[in-house]
Amino acid sequence: MRQAEEAIKRICEMEAIFDQAQKLMEAPEKNKEEYLEYQGEIEKLAGYYESPKWKEDLALDEEGALPQDLKRGVLSEDGIYDLLDRNKEILEELKIDRTETGISFCGAETIDTGRLLLRAFRHEDAESMLRNWLSDEEVQSMYGEPVYTSLAQAKELIDRYIRQTSEGSAFRWEVIEKDSGECIGQASFFLVDKNNHFGEIEYCIARAFQGKGFATEATRAVIAYGFEKIGFHKVQICCRPSNRSSKRVIEKCGFTHEGTLRDYFFRNGGYEDRMFFSILKSEYNKHDKP
């Protein structure tokens, strides 16, 4: 029941975007500024269509689990494809450079780094996540996350991660080691500022898989995705001075230290600083890609 309720809410939200986009496209005289402003919503629709949630919602509809009077144009593959194709044509007609539209809500597409697969979170990996890192207090505490002790809790977390990515408020990947097929951690832009065009990275790797360069490999892939696919102007990351392994990853990935907020965290009875690092798009283009 809860799954159907969430699907109905999601479909209604996407239908509203779909209808408004069609209205803008069909206007006899198109307002370039208005059309440009709506690109973020159209990108959100595209992200939904390319996410696992679209397939899940379509399956529920085919099972008859959704109300018969529900408007379901966004579940038409041809309908969304035609709308997105028409959007590209109109952007060209209006001579709108895609870089003008800000960041792209393209979802978390699968990234193959060689040893790892970074892919959108899915429920069937909940047990592997729980076994390898979600239940490990040492791993979770290093980036300020709680410990999860049950499959139900893990699946709720996955629901939240999927929802955040479909909404465009975050881009989240589970990290899969290809040799074992295990989910060994996560990497994400947990903070996305669509107005100022930057994202902030967080990551974690299970203790049994640390010391093999996986964190650096995953972080470099996320940086590249942020600049090349999402269109960020800046990618940033933070760490505590005591987290020396994370600081080494940050240095290997080419970040510049911007500054330090003193006594930012109160942990274990004492205060600790927060160090800020970043890479600008111009710096990413100038040097060897991470």
Foldseek 3Di string as FASTA:
>chain_A
DVLQVVLLVVQVLLVVLLVVLVVQLPDPDHDPVVLLQSQQSLLLLQQCLPAVSLVVSLVCVVVVVYDPPRDHQSNDPVSNVVSVVSSVVVCVVVVPDPLSSFWGLNAAPWDDLPQKIWHQDDLVQLVLCLVFPQQDPVQQVQVPHDHDDDSVVSVVVSVVSSVCSSNSQKHKTFIAGVVVRGRFKIKIQNGADRVQFETEIDITGGPVPPPPCPVLSVVLRVVCCSCPPGNGQKYKYKGWPVPVVVVVSCVVQPWDWPDKAFQPDCPPNGGTIMTMTMDGSVNCVVDPRD
